Amino acid sequence: MAEMDEKLERAKELMERAQGFLSDAEFREEHETKQIRYLQAMSHTLVALFLQNELIVDLLKKQQEYDALAGD
């Protein structure tokens, strides 16, 4: 469970950073800087979503193990 908690916390941190990049992009006047901030936000969001998907898979595996034990 500790590993799952770490992944969840990391995903949360990445989403918060992504939101920060998006907020920063809104205030930028230079087109290139805006694009960089949007790309940073997207990359952080993708990594966070990947971690969340890993957690979902882990939970599904644990549920299958539990179901198998309960069926015995």
N, C-alpha and C. Protein backbone atom coordinates (compact mmCIF):
# COMPACT_ATOMS: atom_id res chain seq x y z
N MET A 1 0.81 -1.19 0.00
CA MET A 1 0.00 0.00 0.00
C MET A 1 0.86 1.26 0.00
N ALA A 2 2.03 1.19 0.60
CA ALA A 2 2.90 2.36 0.66
C ALA A 2 3.29 2.81 -0.74
N GLU A 3 3.57 1.84 -1.61
CA GLU A 3 3.93 2.17 -2.99
C GLU A 3 2.77 2.85 -3.70
N MET A 4 1.57 2.37 -3.46
CA MET A 4 0.39 2.96 -4.09
C MET A 4 0.17 4.38 -3.57
N ASP A 5 0.38 4.57 -2.27
CA ASP A 5 0.23 5.91 -1.69
C ASP A 5 1.25 6.88 -2.28
N GLU A 6 2.48 6.39 -2.48
CA GLU A 6 3.52 7.22 -3.08
C GLU A 6 3.15 7.62 -4.51
N LYS A 7 2.65 6.67 -5.28
CA LYS A 7 2.25 6.97 -6.66
C LYS A 7 1.11 7.98 -6.68
N LEU A 8 0.16 7.81 -5.79
CA LEU A 8 -0.97 8.73 -5.72
C LEU A 8 -0.51 10.13 -5.34
N GLU A 9 0.39 10.22 -4.37
CA GLU A 9 0.92 11.52 -3.96
C GLU A 9 1.71 12.17 -5.08
N ARG A 10 2.50 11.38 -5.80
CA ARG A 10 3.28 11.90 -6.93
C ARG A 10 2.35 12.41 -8.03
N ALA A 11 1.30 11.66 -8.32
CA ALA A 11 0.33 12.09 -9.33
C ALA A 11 -0.33 13.40 -8.92
N LYS A 12 -0.65 13.51 -7.64
CA LYS A 12 -1.26 14.74 -7.13
C LYS A 12 -0.31 15.92 -7.29
N GLU A 13 0.96 15.72 -6.94
CA GLU A 13 1.96 16.78 -7.09
C GLU A 13 2.11 17.20 -8.54
N LEU A 14 2.13 16.23 -9.44
CA LEU A 14 2.28 16.54 -10.86
C LEU A 14 1.08 17.34 -11.38
N MET A 15 -0.11 16.98 -10.95
CA MET A 15 -1.30 17.71 -11.38
C MET A 15 -1.27 19.15 -10.85
N GLU A 16 -0.81 19.32 -9.62
CA GLU A 16 -0.69 20.67 -9.06
C GLU A 16 0.32 21.50 -9.84
N ARG A 17 1.44 20.89 -10.20
CA ARG A 17 2.44 21.60 -11.00
C ARG A 17 1.89 21.94 -12.37
N ALA A 18 1.14 21.01 -12.96
CA ALA A 18 0.53 21.26 -14.27
C ALA A 18 -0.42 22.45 -14.19
N GLN A 19 -1.20 22.52 -13.13
CA GLN A 19 -2.11 23.65 -12.96
C GLN A 19 -1.33 24.95 -12.82
N GLY A 20 -0.20 24.89 -12.14
CA GLY A 20 0.65 26.07 -12.01
C GLY A 20 1.18 26.53 -13.36
N PHE A 21 1.60 25.60 -14.19
CA PHE A 21 2.08 25.95 -15.52
C PHE A 21 0.97 26.57 -16.36
N LEU A 22 -0.23 26.02 -16.24
CA LEU A 22 -1.36 26.58 -16.99
C LEU A 22 -1.67 28.00 -16.53
N SER A 23 -1.66 28.22 -15.24
CA SER A 23 -1.91 29.56 -14.71
C SER A 23 -0.84 30.53 -15.19
N ASP A 24 0.40 30.08 -15.16
CA ASP A 24 1.50 30.93 -15.60
C ASP A 24 1.37 31.26 -17.08
N ALA A 25 0.95 30.28 -17.87
CA ALA A 25 0.81 30.50 -19.31
C ALA A 25 -0.22 31.58 -19.61
N GLU A 26 -1.25 31.66 -18.80
CA GLU A 26 -2.30 32.65 -19.03
C GLU A 26 -1.78 34.08 -18.93
N PHE A 27 -0.73 34.29 -18.14
CA PHE A 27 -0.22 35.64 -17.92
C PHE A 27 0.96 35.99 -18.81
N ARG A 28 1.40 35.06 -19.61
CA ARG A 28 2.55 35.31 -20.48
C ARG A 28 2.11 36.01 -21.76
N GLU A 29 2.90 36.97 -22.16
CA GLU A 29 2.60 37.67 -23.40
C GLU A 29 3.37 37.08 -24.57
N GLU A 30 4.55 36.57 -24.30
CA GLU A 30 5.38 36.02 -25.37
C GLU A 30 4.82 34.66 -25.79
N HIS A 31 4.62 34.53 -27.07
CA HIS A 31 4.01 33.31 -27.61
C HIS A 31 4.83 32.07 -27.28
N GLU A 32 6.16 32.17 -27.41
CA GLU A 32 7.01 31.01 -27.17
C GLU A 32 6.94 30.56 -25.71
N THR A 33 6.95 31.52 -24.80
CA THR A 33 6.89 31.18 -23.39
C THR A 33 5.55 30.54 -23.04
N LYS A 34 4.48 31.04 -23.64
CA LYS A 34 3.15 30.45 -23.42
C LYS A 34 3.15 29.00 -23.88
N GLN A 35 3.71 28.78 -25.07
CA GLN A 35 3.74 27.42 -25.60
C GLN A 35 4.52 26.48 -24.70
N ILE A 36 5.65 26.95 -24.19
CA ILE A 36 6.47 26.13 -23.30
C ILE A 36 5.69 25.77 -22.05
N ARG A 37 5.01 26.74 -21.47
CA ARG A 37 4.22 26.47 -20.25
C ARG A 37 3.10 25.47 -20.54
N TYR A 38 2.44 25.62 -21.68
CA TYR A 38 1.38 24.67 -22.03
C TYR A 38 1.95 23.27 -22.22
N LEU A 39 3.12 23.17 -22.87
CA LEU A 39 3.75 21.86 -23.05
C LEU A 39 4.16 21.25 -21.71
N GLN A 40 4.67 22.08 -20.80
CA GLN A 40 5.03 21.58 -19.48
C GLN A 40 3.78 21.08 -18.75
N ALA A 41 2.71 21.82 -18.86
CA ALA A 41 1.45 21.40 -18.22
C ALA A 41 0.96 20.08 -18.80
N MET A 42 1.02 19.96 -20.11
CA MET A 42 0.56 18.72 -20.75
C MET A 42 1.42 17.54 -20.36
N SER A 43 2.74 17.72 -20.34
CA SER A 43 3.62 16.60 -20.00
C SER A 43 3.42 16.16 -18.55
N HIS A 44 3.27 17.10 -17.64
CA HIS A 44 3.02 16.74 -16.25
C HIS A 44 1.67 16.04 -16.10
N THR A 45 0.68 16.50 -16.84
CA THR A 45 -0.64 15.88 -16.78
C THR A 45 -0.58 14.45 -17.31
N LEU A 46 0.14 14.23 -18.40
CA LEU A 46 0.25 12.89 -18.96
C LEU A 46 0.94 11.92 -17.99
N VAL A 47 2.00 12.38 -17.34
CA VAL A 47 2.69 11.52 -16.38
C VAL A 47 1.77 11.22 -15.19
N ALA A 48 1.04 12.23 -14.73
CA ALA A 48 0.11 12.01 -13.62
C ALA A 48 -0.97 11.01 -14.01
N LEU A 49 -1.49 11.13 -15.20
CA LEU A 49 -2.52 10.19 -15.66
C LEU A 49 -1.95 8.78 -15.80
N PHE A 50 -0.71 8.66 -16.25
CA PHE A 50 -0.06 7.36 -16.33
C PHE A 50 0.03 6.72 -14.94
N LEU A 51 0.45 7.51 -13.95
CA LEU A 51 0.55 6.99 -12.58
C LEU A 51 -0.82 6.58 -12.05
N GLN A 52 -1.83 7.37 -12.35
CA GLN A 52 -3.19 7.02 -11.92
C GLN A 52 -3.65 5.73 -12.58
N ASN A 53 -3.33 5.56 -13.84
CA ASN A 53 -3.69 4.32 -14.54
C ASN A 53 -2.98 3.12 -13.92
N GLU A 54 -1.71 3.28 -13.56
CA GLU A 54 -0.98 2.20 -12.89
C GLU A 54 -1.67 1.84 -11.57
N LEU A 55 -2.11 2.84 -10.85
CA LEU A 55 -2.81 2.58 -9.58
C LEU A 55 -4.10 1.82 -9.81
N ILE A 56 -4.83 2.18 -10.83
CA ILE A 56 -6.08 1.49 -11.15
C ILE A 56 -5.80 0.02 -11.47
N VAL A 57 -4.77 -0.23 -12.26
CA VAL A 57 -4.41 -1.61 -12.60
C VAL A 57 -4.02 -2.37 -11.34
N ASP A 58 -3.23 -1.74 -10.47
CA ASP A 58 -2.83 -2.39 -9.22
C ASP A 58 -4.05 -2.73 -8.36
N LEU A 59 -4.99 -1.80 -8.28
CA LEU A 59 -6.21 -2.05 -7.50
C LEU A 59 -7.04 -3.17 -8.10
N LEU A 60 -7.13 -3.21 -9.41
CA LEU A 60 -7.88 -4.28 -10.07
C LEU A 60 -7.23 -5.64 -9.81
N LYS A 61 -5.90 -5.69 -9.84
CA LYS A 61 -5.19 -6.94 -9.55
C LYS A 61 -5.44 -7.39 -8.12
N LYS A 62 -5.39 -6.43 -7.19
CA LYS A 62 -5.65 -6.77 -5.79
C LYS A 62 -7.08 -7.26 -5.61
N GLN A 63 -8.02 -6.66 -6.32
CA GLN A 63 -9.41 -7.10 -6.23
C GLN A 63 -9.56 -8.52 -6.76
N GLN A 64 -8.86 -8.83 -7.86
CA GLN A 64 -8.91 -10.19 -8.40
C GLN A 64 -8.32 -11.19 -7.41
N GLU A 65 -7.21 -10.82 -6.77
CA GLU A 65 -6.61 -11.69 -5.76
C GLU A 65 -7.58 -11.91 -4.60
N TYR A 66 -8.20 -10.85 -4.17
CA TYR A 66 -9.17 -10.94 -3.07
C TYR A 66 -10.34 -11.83 -3.46
N ASP A 67 -10.86 -11.62 -4.67
CA ASP A 67 -11.97 -12.44 -5.15
C ASP A 67 -11.59 -13.91 -5.23
N ALA A 68 -10.35 -14.18 -5.67
CA ALA A 68 -9.89 -15.56 -5.78
C ALA A 68 -9.79 -16.20 -4.39
N LEU A 69 -9.29 -15.44 -3.42
CA LEU A 69 -9.19 -15.97 -2.06
C LEU A 69 -10.57 -16.16 -1.44
N ALA A 70 -11.47 -15.26 -1.72
CA ALA A 70 -12.82 -15.36 -1.17
C ALA A 70 -13.58 -16.53 -1.77
N GLY A 71 -13.22 -16.91 -3.00
CA GLY A 71 -13.89 -18.00 -3.68
C GLY A 71 -13.43 -19.37 -3.23
N ASP A 72 -12.28 -19.43 -2.55
CA ASP A 72 -11.74 -20.74 -2.12
C ASP A 72 -12.54 -21.36 -1.02
